[in-house]
C-alpha atoms as a PDB file:
ATOM      1  CA  UNK A   1      53.707 -25.544 -23.830  1.00  0.00           C
ATOM      2  CA  UNK A   2      52.237 -26.603 -27.176  1.00  0.00           C
ATOM      3  CA  UNK A   3      52.228 -30.236 -26.162  1.00  0.00           C
ATOM      4  CA  UNK A   4      50.409 -29.404 -22.911  1.00  0.00           C
ATOM      5  CA  UNK A   5      47.838 -27.402 -24.858  1.00  0.00           C
ATOM      6  CA  UNK A   6      47.272 -30.294 -27.285  1.00  0.00           C
ATOM      7  CA  UNK A   7      46.876 -32.795 -24.446  1.00  0.00           C
ATOM      8  CA  UNK A   8      44.411 -30.474 -22.717  1.00  0.00           C
ATOM      9  CA  UNK A   9      42.352 -30.105 -25.935  1.00  0.00           C
ATOM     10  CA  UNK A  10      42.240 -33.882 -26.475  1.00  0.00           C
ATOM     11  CA  UNK A  11      41.229 -34.438 -22.854  1.00  0.00           C
ATOM     12  CA  UNK A  12      38.438 -31.874 -23.076  1.00  0.00           C
ATOM     13  CA  UNK A  13      37.185 -33.410 -26.338  1.00  0.00           C
ATOM     14  CA  UNK A  14      37.158 -36.882 -24.763  1.00  0.00           C
ATOM     15  CA  UNK A  15      35.225 -35.624 -21.732  1.00  0.00           C
ATOM     16  CA  UNK A  16      32.661 -33.934 -23.964  1.00  0.00           C
ATOM     17  CA  UNK A  17      32.188 -37.160 -25.945  1.00  0.00           C
ATOM     18  CA  UNK A  18      31.680 -39.180 -22.779  1.00  0.00           C
ATOM     19  CA  UNK A  19      29.209 -36.659 -21.359  1.00  0.00           C
ATOM     20  CA  UNK A  20      27.299 -36.224 -24.618  1.00  0.00           C
ATOM     21  CA  UNK A  21      26.957 -39.937 -25.432  1.00  0.00           C
ATOM     22  CA  UNK A  22      24.157 -40.717 -22.937  1.00  0.00           C
ATOM     23  CA  UNK A  23      22.224 -37.720 -24.269  1.00  0.00           C
ATOM     24  CA  UNK A  24      22.569 -38.919 -27.836  1.00  0.00           C
ATOM     25  CA  UNK A  25      21.565 -42.450 -26.857  1.00  0.00           C
ATOM     26  CA  UNK A  26      18.626 -41.058 -24.936  1.00  0.00           C
ATOM     27  CA  UNK A  27      17.105 -39.510 -28.042  1.00  0.00           C
ATOM     28  CA  UNK A  28      17.685 -42.512 -30.297  1.00  0.00           C
ATOM     29  CA  UNK A  29      14.444 -44.082 -31.377  1.00  0.00           C
ATOM     30  CA  UNK A  30      13.829 -47.594 -32.545  1.00  0.00           C
ATOM     31  CA  UNK A  31      11.502 -49.150 -35.077  1.00  0.00           C
ATOM     32  CA  UNK A  32       8.219 -50.319 -33.586  1.00  0.00           C
ATOM     33  CA  UNK A  33       5.398 -52.415 -34.963  1.00  0.00           C
ATOM     34  CA  UNK A  34       2.426 -50.303 -36.000  1.00  0.00           C
ATOM     35  CA  UNK A  35      -0.143 -51.225 -33.344  1.00  0.00           C
ATOM     36  CA  UNK A  36      -3.245 -50.751 -35.511  1.00  0.00           C
ATOM     37  CA  UNK A  37      -2.836 -51.377 -39.234  1.00  0.00           C
ATOM     38  CA  UNK A  38      -6.474 -50.351 -39.747  1.00  0.00           C
ATOM     39  CA  UNK A  39      -5.809 -46.871 -38.384  1.00  0.00           C
ATOM     40  CA  UNK A  40      -7.121 -44.406 -40.998  1.00  0.00           C
ATOM     41  CA  UNK A  41      -3.781 -42.538 -41.015  1.00  0.00           C
ATOM     42  CA  UNK A  42      -1.830 -45.733 -41.761  1.00  0.00           C
ATOM     43  CA  UNK A  43      -4.308 -46.724 -44.478  1.00  0.00           C
ATOM     44  CA  UNK A  44      -4.098 -43.255 -46.027  1.00  0.00           C
ATOM     45  CA  UNK A  45      -0.289 -43.263 -46.019  1.00  0.00           C
ATOM     46  CA  UNK A  46      -0.199 -46.721 -47.637  1.00  0.00           C
ATOM     47  CA  UNK A  47      -2.779 -45.732 -50.242  1.00  0.00           C
ATOM     48  CA  UNK A  48      -0.830 -42.556 -50.968  1.00  0.00           C
ATOM     49  CA  UNK A  49       2.391 -44.597 -51.371  1.00  0.00           C
ATOM     50  CA  UNK A  50       0.789 -46.793 -54.038  1.00  0.00           C
ATOM     51  CA  UNK A  51      -0.683 -43.780 -55.841  1.00  0.00           C
ATOM     52  CA  UNK A  52       2.631 -41.921 -55.695  1.00  0.00           C
ATOM     53  CA  UNK A  53       4.485 -44.932 -57.078  1.00  0.00           C
ATOM     54  CA  UNK A  54       1.912 -45.226 -59.874  1.00  0.00           C
ATOM     55  CA  UNK A  55       2.415 -41.544 -60.689  1.00  0.00           C
ATOM     56  CA  UNK A  56       6.220 -41.738 -60.625  1.00  0.00           C
ATOM     57  CA  UNK A  57       6.437 -44.996 -62.604  1.00  0.00           C
ATOM     58  CA  UNK A  58       3.517 -44.170 -64.918  1.00  0.00           C
ATOM     59  CA  UNK A  59       2.078 -47.554 -63.977  1.00  0.00           C
ATOM     60  CA  UNK A  60      -1.444 -48.650 -63.078  1.00  0.00           C
ATOM     61  CA  UNK A  61      -1.567 -50.167 -59.604  1.00  0.00           C
ATOM     62  CA  UNK A  62      -4.296 -50.052 -56.973  1.00  0.00           C
ATOM     63  CA  UNK A  63      -3.950 -50.265 -53.194  1.00  0.00           C
ATOM     64  CA  UNK A  64      -5.760 -53.095 -51.386  1.00  0.00           C
ATOM     65  CA  UNK A  65      -4.549 -53.323 -47.788  1.00  0.00           C
ATOM     66  CA  UNK A  66      -1.641 -53.082 -45.345  1.00  0.00           C
ATOM     67  CA  UNK A  67      -0.332 -56.465 -44.202  1.00  0.00           C
ATOM     68  CA  UNK A  68       2.296 -55.267 -41.730  1.00  0.00           C
ATOM     69  CA  UNK A  69       4.289 -52.222 -40.847  1.00  0.00           C
ATOM     70  CA  UNK A  70       6.937 -50.604 -38.708  1.00  0.00           C
ATOM     71  CA  UNK A  71       7.292 -46.985 -37.698  1.00  0.00           C
ATOM     72  CA  UNK A  72       9.907 -44.776 -36.114  1.00  0.00           C
ATOM     73  CA  UNK A  73       9.367 -41.274 -34.784  1.00  0.00           C
ATOM     74  CA  UNK A  74      11.800 -38.546 -35.732  1.00  0.00           C
ATOM     75  CA  UNK A  75      12.017 -35.035 -34.355  1.00  0.00           C
ATOM     76  CA  UNK A  76       9.563 -33.682 -36.910  1.00  0.00           C
ATOM     77  CA  UNK A  77       7.777 -36.670 -38.434  1.00  0.00           C
ATOM     78  CA  UNK A  78       7.484 -40.422 -38.808  1.00  0.00           C
ATOM     79  CA  UNK A  79       9.180 -42.954 -41.052  1.00  0.00           C
ATOM     80  CA  UNK A  80       7.102 -45.953 -42.114  1.00  0.00           C
ATOM     81  CA  UNK A  81       8.108 -49.320 -43.576  1.00  0.00           C
ATOM     82  CA  UNK A  82       4.982 -50.973 -44.900  1.00  0.00           C
ATOM     83  CA  UNK A  83       4.233 -54.326 -46.474  1.00  0.00           C
ATOM     84  CA  UNK A  84       1.081 -53.902 -48.466  1.00  0.00           C
ATOM     85  CA  UNK A  85      -1.008 -55.657 -51.072  1.00  0.00           C
ATOM     86  CA  UNK A  86      -1.913 -54.022 -54.337  1.00  0.00           C
ATOM     87  CA  UNK A  87      -3.334 -55.111 -57.680  1.00  0.00           C
ATOM     88  CA  UNK A  88      -1.534 -54.365 -60.943  1.00  0.00           C
ATOM     89  CA  UNK A  89      -3.019 -53.752 -64.410  1.00  0.00           C
ATOM     90  CA  UNK A  90      -3.227 -57.523 -65.049  1.00  0.00           C
ATOM     91  CA  UNK A  91      -5.466 -57.814 -61.977  1.00  0.00           C
ATOM     92  CA  UNK A  92      -2.686 -59.721 -60.281  1.00  0.00           C
ATOM     93  CA  UNK A  93      -2.307 -59.163 -56.553  1.00  0.00           C
ATOM     94  CA  UNK A  94       1.202 -58.554 -55.313  1.00  0.00           C
ATOM     95  CA  UNK A  95       2.984 -57.761 -52.070  1.00  0.00           C
ATOM     96  CA  UNK A  96       5.012 -54.549 -52.074  1.00  0.00           C
ATOM     97  CA  UNK A  97       7.287 -52.766 -49.663  1.00  0.00           C
ATOM     98  CA  UNK A  98       6.848 -49.039 -49.292  1.00  0.00           C
ATOM     99  CA  UNK A  99       9.023 -46.727 -47.207  1.00  0.00           C
ATOM    100  CA  UNK A 100       7.394 -43.374 -46.525  1.00  0.00           C
ATOM    101  CA  UNK A 101       8.451 -40.314 -44.556  1.00  0.00           C
ATOM    102  CA  UNK A 102       5.500 -38.294 -43.252  1.00  0.00           C
ATOM    103  CA  UNK A 103       5.759 -34.860 -41.627  1.00  0.00           C
ATOM    104  CA  UNK A 104       2.222 -33.638 -40.850  1.00  0.00           C
ATOM    105  CA  UNK A 105       3.297 -30.245 -39.490  1.00  0.00           C
ATOM    106  CA  UNK A 106       4.666 -29.183 -42.891  1.00  0.00           C
ATOM    107  CA  UNK A 107       2.330 -31.355 -44.991  1.00  0.00           C
ATOM    108  CA  UNK A 108       5.400 -33.144 -46.358  1.00  0.00           C
ATOM    109  CA  UNK A 109       5.248 -36.741 -47.472  1.00  0.00           C
ATOM    110  CA  UNK A 110       8.003 -38.529 -49.367  1.00  0.00           C
ATOM    111  CA  UNK A 111       8.030 -41.960 -50.966  1.00  0.00           C
ATOM    112  CA  UNK A 112      11.532 -43.187 -50.142  1.00  0.00           C
ATOM    113  CA  UNK A 113      11.222 -46.696 -51.588  1.00  0.00           C
ATOM    114  CA  UNK A 114       8.635 -48.811 -53.397  1.00  0.00           C
ATOM    115  CA  UNK A 115       9.202 -52.270 -54.872  1.00  0.00           C
ATOM    116  CA  UNK A 116       7.781 -55.761 -54.926  1.00  0.00           C
ATOM    117  CA  UNK A 117       8.573 -57.598 -51.700  1.00  0.00           C
ATOM    118  CA  UNK A 118      10.543 -60.770 -52.158  1.00  0.00           C
END
């Protein structure tokens, strides 16, 4: 009796996994190129990323422009991976990578990563 119950539970679990998998795959997103790097929202997010890094690192750095970027939609916001140019205190231009999570509905923005691009 116990063995039959265990087999039944395993079978039900397997069926649920098989049924649920297409649903999970259906909501998976993928990274996409940002179609318009000059979009004011993209420019603002990139500028904010540089300013937030400067604040966190107590470092002078100034945003110049976005060179390329990818985005992925989540349920409540958007993740961005940006390659941008900025000028440091020595007036030397550098290329940086910034990863930002932006959730407009809650006015939440998080700098996930910021470093010179190699």
